[in-house]
Protein backbone atom coordinates (compact mmCIF):
# COMPACT_ATOMS: atom_id res chain seq x y z
CA UNK A 1 8.28 16.48 2.83
CA UNK A 2 6.74 13.03 2.92
CA UNK A 3 3.03 12.38 3.07
CA UNK A 4 0.99 9.39 4.20
CA UNK A 5 -2.46 9.47 2.59
CA UNK A 6 -5.42 7.39 3.75
CA UNK A 7 -8.64 7.22 1.77
CA UNK A 8 -11.84 5.87 3.33
CA UNK A 9 -14.65 4.74 1.03
CA UNK A 10 -18.40 4.43 1.70
CA UNK A 11 -18.85 4.07 5.47
CA UNK A 12 -21.87 1.93 6.41
CA UNK A 13 -23.07 4.66 8.81
CA UNK A 14 -21.51 8.01 7.86
CA UNK A 15 -22.66 9.83 11.02
CA UNK A 16 -21.23 7.13 13.30
CA UNK A 17 -18.00 7.05 11.27
CA UNK A 18 -17.62 10.84 11.51
CA UNK A 19 -18.24 10.92 15.26
CA UNK A 20 -15.82 8.10 16.06
CA UNK A 21 -13.17 9.35 13.63
CA UNK A 22 -13.18 12.85 15.15
CA UNK A 23 -13.42 11.78 18.80
CA UNK A 24 -11.10 8.75 18.78
CA UNK A 25 -8.95 8.59 15.66
CA UNK A 26 -7.94 12.23 15.30
CA UNK A 27 -6.36 12.34 18.80
CA UNK A 28 -4.46 9.11 18.05
CA UNK A 29 -3.03 10.58 14.83
CA UNK A 30 -2.13 13.87 16.50
CA UNK A 31 0.04 11.89 18.94
CA UNK A 32 2.25 10.41 16.19
CA UNK A 33 5.93 11.22 16.64
CA UNK A 34 7.27 13.66 14.07
CA UNK A 35 3.94 14.56 12.47
CA UNK A 36 4.11 18.08 11.02
CA UNK A 37 0.60 18.49 9.65
CA UNK A 38 -2.63 16.50 9.53
CA UNK A 39 -5.42 17.43 7.12
CA UNK A 40 -8.83 15.97 6.35
CA UNK A 41 -10.90 16.51 3.23
CA UNK A 42 -14.16 15.25 1.77
CA UNK A 43 -13.50 15.29 -1.96
CA UNK A 44 -16.17 15.44 -4.63
CA UNK A 45 -15.43 13.09 -7.49
CA UNK A 46 -15.32 14.68 -10.93
CA UNK A 47 -16.53 11.46 -12.51
CA UNK A 48 -16.75 8.02 -10.97
CA UNK A 49 -16.71 7.33 -7.27
CA UNK A 50 -14.44 9.21 -4.93
CA UNK A 51 -13.46 8.52 -1.35
CA UNK A 52 -15.70 9.63 1.51
CA UNK A 53 -12.78 11.01 3.53
CA UNK A 54 -9.10 11.63 2.77
CA UNK A 55 -6.58 12.02 5.59
CA UNK A 56 -3.12 13.40 4.84
CA UNK A 57 -0.34 13.06 7.40
CA UNK A 58 2.75 15.14 6.65
CA UNK A 59 6.29 14.42 7.86
CA UNK A 60 9.57 16.29 7.36
CA UNK A 61 11.32 13.42 5.56
CA UNK A 62 11.35 9.68 4.91
CA UNK A 63 13.09 9.01 8.22
CA UNK A 64 10.40 10.81 10.20
CA UNK A 65 7.69 8.90 8.36
CA UNK A 66 9.49 5.61 8.98
CA UNK A 67 9.80 6.40 12.68
CA UNK A 68 6.09 7.22 12.90
CA UNK A 69 5.12 4.04 11.02
CA UNK A 70 7.03 1.92 13.53
CA UNK A 71 5.76 3.69 16.62
CA UNK A 72 3.34 2.43 19.28
CA UNK A 73 1.19 5.46 18.48
CA UNK A 74 0.83 4.35 14.84
CA UNK A 75 0.02 0.84 16.02
CA UNK A 76 -2.82 2.26 18.13
CA UNK A 77 -4.09 4.38 15.23
CA UNK A 78 -3.94 1.41 12.82
CA UNK A 79 -5.79 -0.83 15.27
CA UNK A 80 -8.50 1.82 15.62
CA UNK A 81 -8.78 2.33 11.85
CA UNK A 82 -9.26 -1.42 11.37
CA UNK A 83 -12.52 -1.23 13.36
CA UNK A 84 -14.29 1.14 10.94
CA UNK A 85 -17.11 -0.29 8.86
CA UNK A 86 -16.12 1.08 5.45
CA UNK A 87 -16.28 -0.49 2.00
CA UNK A 88 -12.51 -0.10 1.60
CA UNK A 89 -9.48 1.84 2.72
CA UNK A 90 -6.52 2.80 0.55
CA UNK A 91 -3.25 3.98 2.09
CA UNK A 92 -0.12 5.18 0.31
CA UNK A 93 2.91 7.35 0.99
CA UNK A 94 5.54 9.21 -0.92
CA UNK A 95 7.76 12.20 -1.22
CA UNK A 96 5.97 15.43 -2.09
CA UNK A 97 7.79 17.84 -4.38
CA UNK A 98 6.38 21.31 -4.89
CA UNK A 99 6.61 22.40 -8.52
CA UNK A 100 4.63 25.64 -8.39
CA UNK A 101 3.98 28.02 -5.57
């Protein structure tokens, strides 16, 4: 499996961020070709500052992730994400290997 992770830090207006993210962004992400799973979490930092929201988009393999990244649906999701008033956004991807189940 391959995962694309997006971390959103310190929205200027958390309530407005949450409402727009759920009503606009989530449907855009759900439409991505090849997406297998989409999770959201609000982590609590165990020291230091943590992200406000973490989105994880799961794909079967690198090819499926690459297809999604080049799709018009991802373009729409990226354009929407660029409108959010957050302190910063961090995005990264990689292969996920399960070592204990």
